[in-house]
N, C-alpha and C. Protein backbone atom coordinates (compact mmCIF):
# COMPACT_ATOMS: atom_id res chain seq x y z
N MET A 1 6.60 -18.11 3.85
CA MET A 1 7.55 -17.50 4.75
C MET A 1 7.06 -17.68 6.17
N THR A 2 7.90 -18.11 7.05
CA THR A 2 7.55 -18.27 8.44
C THR A 2 8.19 -17.15 9.24
N THR A 3 7.35 -16.35 9.88
CA THR A 3 7.87 -15.22 10.64
C THR A 3 7.02 -15.04 11.88
N PRO A 4 7.59 -14.40 12.91
CA PRO A 4 6.75 -14.07 14.06
C PRO A 4 5.69 -13.09 13.62
N THR A 5 4.55 -13.08 14.31
CA THR A 5 3.45 -12.26 13.83
C THR A 5 3.30 -10.93 14.56
N VAL A 6 3.86 -10.77 15.73
CA VAL A 6 3.75 -9.51 16.45
C VAL A 6 4.98 -8.68 16.15
N THR A 7 4.77 -7.44 15.71
CA THR A 7 5.91 -6.64 15.28
C THR A 7 6.58 -5.89 16.42
N SER A 8 5.88 -5.58 17.50
CA SER A 8 6.44 -4.86 18.64
C SER A 8 7.24 -3.64 18.22
N GLY A 9 6.69 -2.86 17.32
CA GLY A 9 7.38 -1.67 16.89
C GLY A 9 8.53 -1.95 15.95
N ILE A 10 8.40 -2.95 15.15
CA ILE A 10 9.43 -3.34 14.18
C ILE A 10 9.77 -2.17 13.26
N THR A 11 11.01 -2.08 12.86
CA THR A 11 11.42 -1.03 11.93
C THR A 11 11.18 -1.48 10.49
N ALA A 12 11.24 -0.54 9.58
CA ALA A 12 11.12 -0.88 8.17
C ALA A 12 12.26 -1.80 7.74
N THR A 13 13.44 -1.59 8.27
CA THR A 13 14.58 -2.45 7.94
C THR A 13 14.34 -3.87 8.40
N GLU A 14 13.82 -4.04 9.61
CA GLU A 14 13.53 -5.38 10.13
C GLU A 14 12.43 -6.05 9.31
N LEU A 15 11.40 -5.29 8.93
CA LEU A 15 10.34 -5.86 8.11
C LEU A 15 10.88 -6.26 6.75
N TYR A 16 11.71 -5.43 6.17
CA TYR A 16 12.34 -5.76 4.88
C TYR A 16 13.09 -7.08 4.99
N ASN A 17 13.87 -7.25 6.04
CA ASN A 17 14.62 -8.49 6.22
C ASN A 17 13.70 -9.69 6.37
N LEU A 18 12.57 -9.51 7.06
CA LEU A 18 11.62 -10.61 7.23
C LEU A 18 10.96 -11.02 5.92
N VAL A 19 10.51 -10.04 5.13
CA VAL A 19 9.75 -10.37 3.93
C VAL A 19 10.64 -10.77 2.75
N THR A 20 11.92 -10.48 2.83
CA THR A 20 12.80 -10.85 1.71
C THR A 20 13.59 -12.12 1.97
N GLN A 21 13.51 -12.68 3.17
CA GLN A 21 14.22 -13.93 3.40
C GLN A 21 13.43 -15.09 2.80
N PRO A 22 14.13 -16.12 2.35
CA PRO A 22 13.45 -17.27 1.74
C PRO A 22 12.46 -17.92 2.70
N ALA A 23 11.39 -18.47 2.12
CA ALA A 23 10.39 -19.17 2.93
C ALA A 23 11.02 -20.34 3.65
N SER A 24 10.58 -20.55 4.85
CA SER A 24 11.11 -21.66 5.66
C SER A 24 10.54 -22.98 5.16
N SER A 25 11.33 -24.00 5.24
CA SER A 25 10.87 -25.33 4.83
C SER A 25 10.49 -26.17 6.04
N SER A 26 10.17 -25.52 7.16
CA SER A 26 9.86 -26.25 8.39
C SER A 26 8.46 -26.83 8.40
N GLY A 27 7.64 -26.52 7.40
CA GLY A 27 6.28 -27.03 7.35
C GLY A 27 5.33 -26.22 8.21
N ASP A 28 5.76 -25.11 8.76
CA ASP A 28 4.92 -24.26 9.58
C ASP A 28 3.85 -23.62 8.71
N ASP A 29 2.61 -23.59 9.18
CA ASP A 29 1.49 -23.05 8.40
C ASP A 29 1.25 -21.56 8.64
N THR A 30 2.20 -20.85 9.26
CA THR A 30 2.00 -19.44 9.56
C THR A 30 2.52 -18.52 8.46
N ALA A 31 2.83 -19.08 7.30
CA ALA A 31 3.33 -18.25 6.20
C ALA A 31 2.26 -17.25 5.78
N LEU A 32 2.70 -16.04 5.52
CA LEU A 32 1.78 -14.98 5.10
C LEU A 32 1.77 -14.86 3.59
N ASP A 33 0.66 -14.39 3.06
CA ASP A 33 0.47 -14.24 1.63
C ASP A 33 0.88 -12.83 1.20
N TRP A 34 2.18 -12.52 1.30
CA TRP A 34 2.67 -11.22 0.87
C TRP A 34 2.47 -11.11 -0.64
N PRO A 35 2.17 -9.92 -1.14
CA PRO A 35 2.03 -9.77 -2.60
C PRO A 35 3.34 -10.13 -3.30
N LEU A 36 3.22 -10.74 -4.46
CA LEU A 36 4.40 -11.02 -5.29
C LEU A 36 4.94 -9.67 -5.73
N ALA A 37 6.22 -9.40 -5.41
CA ALA A 37 6.72 -8.05 -5.65
C ALA A 37 8.24 -7.99 -5.66
N SER A 38 8.73 -6.94 -6.27
CA SER A 38 10.11 -6.52 -6.10
C SER A 38 10.08 -5.53 -4.95
N ILE A 39 10.99 -5.67 -4.00
CA ILE A 39 10.97 -4.82 -2.82
C ILE A 39 12.34 -4.18 -2.64
N SER A 40 12.34 -2.88 -2.38
CA SER A 40 13.59 -2.21 -2.03
C SER A 40 13.37 -1.45 -0.73
N LEU A 41 14.45 -1.08 -0.11
CA LEU A 41 14.39 -0.41 1.19
C LEU A 41 15.05 0.95 1.10
N ASP A 42 14.32 1.97 1.54
CA ASP A 42 14.88 3.30 1.73
C ASP A 42 15.05 3.44 3.23
N GLU A 43 16.21 2.98 3.71
CA GLU A 43 16.44 2.90 5.16
C GLU A 43 16.39 4.28 5.83
N ALA A 44 16.92 5.30 5.16
CA ALA A 44 16.95 6.65 5.73
C ALA A 44 15.54 7.17 6.03
N ASN A 45 14.57 6.79 5.21
CA ASN A 45 13.19 7.24 5.39
C ASN A 45 12.29 6.17 5.99
N GLN A 46 12.88 5.04 6.42
CA GLN A 46 12.11 3.93 6.99
C GLN A 46 10.93 3.56 6.10
N THR A 47 11.23 3.36 4.81
CA THR A 47 10.21 3.08 3.81
C THR A 47 10.60 1.88 2.96
N LEU A 48 9.65 0.98 2.79
CA LEU A 48 9.82 -0.11 1.83
C LEU A 48 9.09 0.30 0.57
N VAL A 49 9.72 0.11 -0.58
CA VAL A 49 9.12 0.43 -1.86
C VAL A 49 8.85 -0.89 -2.57
N TRP A 50 7.59 -1.16 -2.82
CA TRP A 50 7.15 -2.41 -3.43
C TRP A 50 6.72 -2.14 -4.86
N GLU A 51 7.03 -3.05 -5.76
CA GLU A 51 6.44 -3.05 -7.09
C GLU A 51 5.64 -4.34 -7.16
N LEU A 52 4.34 -4.22 -7.05
CA LEU A 52 3.46 -5.37 -6.87
C LEU A 52 3.11 -6.04 -8.19
N ASN A 53 3.78 -7.13 -8.47
CA ASN A 53 3.52 -7.90 -9.68
C ASN A 53 2.08 -8.41 -9.70
N ASP A 54 1.54 -8.74 -8.53
CA ASP A 54 0.17 -9.24 -8.42
C ASP A 54 -0.87 -8.20 -8.86
N TYR A 55 -0.45 -6.94 -8.90
CA TYR A 55 -1.37 -5.84 -9.21
C TYR A 55 -0.83 -5.01 -10.38
N GLY A 56 -0.36 -5.67 -11.42
CA GLY A 56 0.09 -4.98 -12.62
C GLY A 56 1.31 -4.10 -12.41
N ASN A 57 2.23 -4.51 -11.55
CA ASN A 57 3.45 -3.76 -11.22
C ASN A 57 3.15 -2.42 -10.55
N LEU A 58 2.06 -2.36 -9.81
CA LEU A 58 1.68 -1.17 -9.07
C LEU A 58 2.75 -0.83 -8.03
N PRO A 59 3.24 0.41 -8.04
CA PRO A 59 4.18 0.80 -6.98
C PRO A 59 3.41 1.14 -5.72
N ILE A 60 3.94 0.75 -4.59
CA ILE A 60 3.32 1.08 -3.31
C ILE A 60 4.44 1.28 -2.29
N THR A 61 4.29 2.28 -1.46
CA THR A 61 5.27 2.50 -0.40
C THR A 61 4.65 2.12 0.93
N LEU A 62 5.47 1.59 1.80
CA LEU A 62 5.06 1.26 3.16
C LEU A 62 6.05 1.95 4.07
N SER A 63 5.60 3.02 4.71
CA SER A 63 6.49 3.85 5.52
C SER A 63 6.19 3.69 7.00
N ARG A 64 7.26 3.70 7.79
CA ARG A 64 7.15 3.56 9.24
C ARG A 64 7.51 4.87 9.88
N SER A 65 6.60 5.42 10.68
CA SER A 65 6.92 6.58 11.50
C SER A 65 6.94 6.11 12.94
N GLU A 66 7.02 7.03 13.86
CA GLU A 66 7.12 6.65 15.27
C GLU A 66 5.95 5.78 15.73
N ASN A 67 4.74 6.13 15.30
CA ASN A 67 3.56 5.44 15.83
C ASN A 67 2.71 4.72 14.81
N GLU A 68 3.11 4.74 13.53
CA GLU A 68 2.23 4.14 12.54
C GLU A 68 2.99 3.67 11.30
N TRP A 69 2.29 2.83 10.55
CA TRP A 69 2.68 2.43 9.21
C TRP A 69 1.71 3.10 8.25
N ILE A 70 2.20 3.59 7.11
CA ILE A 70 1.33 4.14 6.07
C ILE A 70 1.66 3.44 4.76
N ALA A 71 0.66 2.81 4.17
CA ALA A 71 0.79 2.21 2.85
C ALA A 71 0.17 3.19 1.86
N MET A 72 0.88 3.47 0.76
CA MET A 72 0.35 4.44 -0.21
C MET A 72 0.71 4.02 -1.63
N ALA A 73 -0.30 4.06 -2.51
CA ALA A 73 -0.12 3.71 -3.92
C ALA A 73 -0.62 4.86 -4.79
N PRO A 74 0.25 5.41 -5.65
CA PRO A 74 -0.22 6.44 -6.57
C PRO A 74 -1.14 5.84 -7.62
N ILE A 75 -2.16 6.61 -8.01
CA ILE A 75 -3.13 6.12 -8.99
C ILE A 75 -2.98 6.85 -10.31
N VAL A 76 -3.12 8.17 -10.29
CA VAL A 76 -3.03 8.96 -11.52
C VAL A 76 -2.77 10.41 -11.14
N ALA A 77 -2.09 11.14 -12.01
CA ALA A 77 -1.89 12.57 -11.81
C ALA A 77 -3.23 13.28 -11.89
N VAL A 78 -3.45 14.21 -10.98
CA VAL A 78 -4.71 14.96 -10.96
C VAL A 78 -4.94 15.65 -12.30
N LYS A 79 -3.89 16.20 -12.90
CA LYS A 79 -4.05 16.93 -14.16
C LYS A 79 -4.46 16.02 -15.32
N SER A 80 -4.36 14.71 -15.15
CA SER A 80 -4.77 13.76 -16.19
C SER A 80 -6.26 13.47 -16.18
N VAL A 81 -6.93 13.91 -15.14
CA VAL A 81 -8.37 13.64 -14.99
C VAL A 81 -9.14 14.81 -15.59
N LYS A 82 -10.03 14.49 -16.55
CA LYS A 82 -10.71 15.57 -17.27
C LYS A 82 -11.72 16.33 -16.42
N ASN A 83 -12.31 15.71 -15.40
CA ASN A 83 -13.26 16.41 -14.53
C ASN A 83 -12.99 16.00 -13.09
N SER A 84 -11.96 16.61 -12.52
CA SER A 84 -11.56 16.20 -11.17
C SER A 84 -12.60 16.56 -10.11
N ALA A 85 -13.36 17.64 -10.30
CA ALA A 85 -14.41 17.99 -9.33
C ALA A 85 -15.46 16.88 -9.27
N GLU A 86 -15.87 16.37 -10.41
CA GLU A 86 -16.86 15.29 -10.44
C GLU A 86 -16.26 14.01 -9.85
N LEU A 87 -15.00 13.70 -10.19
CA LEU A 87 -14.35 12.52 -9.62
C LEU A 87 -14.26 12.65 -8.10
N ASN A 88 -13.89 13.82 -7.61
CA ASN A 88 -13.80 14.01 -6.16
C ASN A 88 -15.14 13.72 -5.49
N GLU A 89 -16.21 14.19 -6.10
CA GLU A 89 -17.55 13.93 -5.55
C GLU A 89 -17.85 12.43 -5.54
N VAL A 90 -17.55 11.75 -6.64
CA VAL A 90 -17.78 10.31 -6.72
C VAL A 90 -16.95 9.58 -5.65
N LEU A 91 -15.69 9.95 -5.51
CA LEU A 91 -14.82 9.28 -4.53
C LEU A 91 -15.29 9.52 -3.11
N LEU A 92 -15.74 10.74 -2.81
CA LEU A 92 -16.25 11.01 -1.47
C LEU A 92 -17.51 10.20 -1.18
N ARG A 93 -18.36 10.04 -2.18
CA ARG A 93 -19.58 9.27 -1.98
C ARG A 93 -19.32 7.77 -1.92
N GLN A 94 -18.26 7.31 -2.56
CA GLN A 94 -17.92 5.89 -2.59
C GLN A 94 -16.95 5.49 -1.49
N GLY A 95 -16.46 6.43 -0.74
CA GLY A 95 -15.41 6.16 0.23
C GLY A 95 -15.67 4.95 1.12
N ILE A 96 -16.88 4.77 1.55
CA ILE A 96 -17.22 3.67 2.44
C ILE A 96 -17.12 2.33 1.72
N SER A 97 -17.28 2.33 0.41
CA SER A 97 -17.25 1.06 -0.33
C SER A 97 -15.83 0.61 -0.67
N LEU A 98 -14.81 1.37 -0.26
CA LEU A 98 -13.42 0.96 -0.45
C LEU A 98 -12.89 0.51 0.92
N PRO A 99 -13.07 -0.75 1.25
CA PRO A 99 -12.74 -1.21 2.60
C PRO A 99 -11.25 -1.11 2.89
N LEU A 100 -10.94 -0.68 4.11
CA LEU A 100 -9.59 -0.65 4.66
C LEU A 100 -8.63 0.28 3.94
N ALA A 101 -9.11 1.13 3.07
CA ALA A 101 -8.23 2.07 2.38
C ALA A 101 -8.99 3.37 2.14
N SER A 102 -8.24 4.42 1.94
CA SER A 102 -8.81 5.72 1.65
C SER A 102 -8.17 6.26 0.38
N VAL A 103 -8.79 7.29 -0.19
CA VAL A 103 -8.25 7.93 -1.39
C VAL A 103 -8.02 9.40 -1.06
N GLY A 104 -6.89 9.92 -1.50
CA GLY A 104 -6.57 11.31 -1.26
C GLY A 104 -5.73 11.86 -2.40
N ILE A 105 -5.28 13.09 -2.23
CA ILE A 105 -4.39 13.74 -3.19
C ILE A 105 -3.11 14.10 -2.45
N VAL A 106 -1.98 13.71 -3.03
CA VAL A 106 -0.66 13.94 -2.42
C VAL A 106 0.27 14.47 -3.50
N ALA A 107 1.14 15.39 -3.12
CA ALA A 107 2.16 15.89 -4.06
C ALA A 107 3.31 14.89 -4.11
N ILE A 108 3.63 14.41 -5.31
CA ILE A 108 4.75 13.50 -5.54
C ILE A 108 5.62 14.14 -6.60
N ASP A 109 6.86 14.39 -6.26
CA ASP A 109 7.80 15.06 -7.18
C ASP A 109 7.23 16.34 -7.77
N GLY A 110 6.53 17.11 -6.92
CA GLY A 110 6.00 18.39 -7.35
C GLY A 110 4.70 18.36 -8.12
N HIS A 111 4.10 17.18 -8.28
CA HIS A 111 2.84 17.06 -9.02
C HIS A 111 1.80 16.37 -8.12
N ASP A 112 0.56 16.85 -8.19
CA ASP A 112 -0.52 16.24 -7.40
C ASP A 112 -0.98 14.94 -8.03
N PHE A 113 -1.10 13.90 -7.19
CA PHE A 113 -1.56 12.58 -7.62
C PHE A 113 -2.70 12.12 -6.73
N TYR A 114 -3.66 11.45 -7.33
CA TYR A 114 -4.61 10.69 -6.54
C TYR A 114 -3.85 9.48 -6.02
N VAL A 115 -4.06 9.16 -4.75
CA VAL A 115 -3.41 7.99 -4.14
C VAL A 115 -4.44 7.22 -3.33
N ALA A 116 -4.20 5.93 -3.21
CA ALA A 116 -4.92 5.11 -2.24
C ALA A 116 -3.96 4.95 -1.07
N TYR A 117 -4.49 4.99 0.14
CA TYR A 117 -3.61 4.83 1.30
C TYR A 117 -4.35 4.15 2.44
N GLY A 118 -3.58 3.57 3.31
CA GLY A 118 -4.11 2.97 4.52
C GLY A 118 -3.12 3.18 5.64
N GLN A 119 -3.63 3.21 6.87
CA GLN A 119 -2.79 3.45 8.03
C GLN A 119 -3.00 2.35 9.05
N LEU A 120 -1.90 2.01 9.73
CA LEU A 120 -1.92 0.99 10.78
C LEU A 120 -1.13 1.49 11.98
N PHE A 121 -1.43 0.96 13.14
CA PHE A 121 -0.62 1.26 14.31
C PHE A 121 0.80 0.75 14.09
N GLY A 122 1.77 1.38 14.67
CA GLY A 122 3.17 1.00 14.53
C GLY A 122 3.49 -0.38 15.06
N ASP A 123 2.68 -0.88 16.00
CA ASP A 123 2.94 -2.21 16.55
C ASP A 123 1.98 -3.27 15.99
N SER A 124 1.46 -3.02 14.79
CA SER A 124 0.53 -3.96 14.16
C SER A 124 1.19 -5.30 13.89
N LYS A 125 0.38 -6.34 13.89
CA LYS A 125 0.86 -7.68 13.55
C LYS A 125 1.23 -7.74 12.08
N LEU A 126 2.11 -8.65 11.73
CA LEU A 126 2.51 -8.82 10.34
C LEU A 126 1.32 -9.14 9.45
N GLU A 127 0.36 -9.92 9.97
CA GLU A 127 -0.84 -10.24 9.20
C GLU A 127 -1.59 -8.98 8.80
N SER A 128 -1.65 -8.01 9.71
CA SER A 128 -2.35 -6.76 9.43
C SER A 128 -1.60 -5.93 8.39
N ILE A 129 -0.28 -5.91 8.48
CA ILE A 129 0.52 -5.16 7.50
C ILE A 129 0.35 -5.78 6.12
N CYS A 130 0.42 -7.10 6.07
CA CYS A 130 0.25 -7.81 4.80
C CYS A 130 -1.14 -7.54 4.22
N ALA A 131 -2.17 -7.61 5.06
CA ALA A 131 -3.54 -7.36 4.60
C ALA A 131 -3.69 -5.92 4.12
N GLU A 132 -3.03 -4.98 4.78
CA GLU A 132 -3.13 -3.57 4.38
C GLU A 132 -2.51 -3.34 3.01
N LEU A 133 -1.41 -4.01 2.72
CA LEU A 133 -0.81 -3.89 1.38
C LEU A 133 -1.80 -4.34 0.32
N HIS A 134 -2.44 -5.50 0.54
CA HIS A 134 -3.43 -6.00 -0.42
C HIS A 134 -4.63 -5.05 -0.51
N ALA A 135 -5.11 -4.55 0.63
CA ALA A 135 -6.29 -3.66 0.62
C ALA A 135 -5.99 -2.35 -0.11
N THR A 136 -4.82 -1.78 0.16
CA THR A 136 -4.46 -0.51 -0.49
C THR A 136 -4.28 -0.71 -1.99
N ALA A 137 -3.62 -1.79 -2.37
CA ALA A 137 -3.43 -2.08 -3.79
C ALA A 137 -4.78 -2.33 -4.47
N GLY A 138 -5.66 -3.08 -3.83
CA GLY A 138 -6.98 -3.35 -4.39
C GLY A 138 -7.78 -2.07 -4.57
N ALA A 139 -7.73 -1.18 -3.58
CA ALA A 139 -8.44 0.10 -3.69
C ALA A 139 -7.86 0.94 -4.83
N ALA A 140 -6.53 0.95 -4.95
CA ALA A 140 -5.90 1.70 -6.05
C ALA A 140 -6.37 1.18 -7.39
N MET A 141 -6.45 -0.13 -7.53
CA MET A 141 -6.90 -0.73 -8.79
C MET A 141 -8.36 -0.39 -9.08
N GLU A 142 -9.21 -0.42 -8.05
CA GLU A 142 -10.62 -0.08 -8.25
C GLU A 142 -10.79 1.38 -8.68
N VAL A 143 -10.06 2.27 -8.03
CA VAL A 143 -10.16 3.69 -8.37
C VAL A 143 -9.58 3.93 -9.76
N ALA A 144 -8.47 3.27 -10.08
CA ALA A 144 -7.88 3.43 -11.42
C ALA A 144 -8.86 2.98 -12.49
N GLU A 145 -9.58 1.89 -12.24
CA GLU A 145 -10.58 1.42 -13.21
C GLU A 145 -11.72 2.43 -13.35
N LEU A 146 -12.17 2.98 -12.24
CA LEU A 146 -13.21 4.01 -12.27
C LEU A 146 -12.75 5.21 -13.08
N ILE A 147 -11.53 5.67 -12.83
CA ILE A 147 -11.01 6.84 -13.53
C ILE A 147 -10.85 6.54 -15.03
N GLN A 148 -10.30 5.38 -15.33
CA GLN A 148 -10.08 5.00 -16.74
C GLN A 148 -11.40 4.92 -17.50
N THR A 149 -12.42 4.40 -16.84
CA THR A 149 -13.72 4.21 -17.48
C THR A 149 -14.49 5.52 -17.66
N HIS A 150 -14.38 6.43 -16.70
CA HIS A 150 -15.27 7.60 -16.71
C HIS A 150 -14.59 8.95 -16.73
N PHE A 151 -13.30 9.04 -16.45
CA PHE A 151 -12.72 10.36 -16.25
C PHE A 151 -11.48 10.68 -17.06
N VAL A 152 -11.01 9.79 -17.91
CA VAL A 152 -9.81 10.10 -18.70
C VAL A 152 -10.18 10.11 -20.18
């Protein structure tokens, strides 16, 4: 896909239009490596909802507020973790080893979930937004593997 790289405060709708248009055949080498995904747009909330095929159909949202983009991927319901206090300690100690993403707890549909998330400035370049999607998804997968191996 060939697209301009500076977003200048691009909206979620504009980003959706950029990432869903067919790749250009102009031979330009500025194509970005967006995750293979199904993408939908929640225009009212300025949110793109991605289902990342590259990451086992991991759902991830990319929301635009006035000054920032937030990428967030749910990992597991807190109530599904047999020792959440121990997991919280492990996650806090490992936080630095999850580059470009953080882990937190967020209420989704009335239930607490562990999530991986990352934040960017609202005027970030498309390369940065694309990289953040990969980083957040990668962190979600790493934490999910940790939880699956030791806490479920």
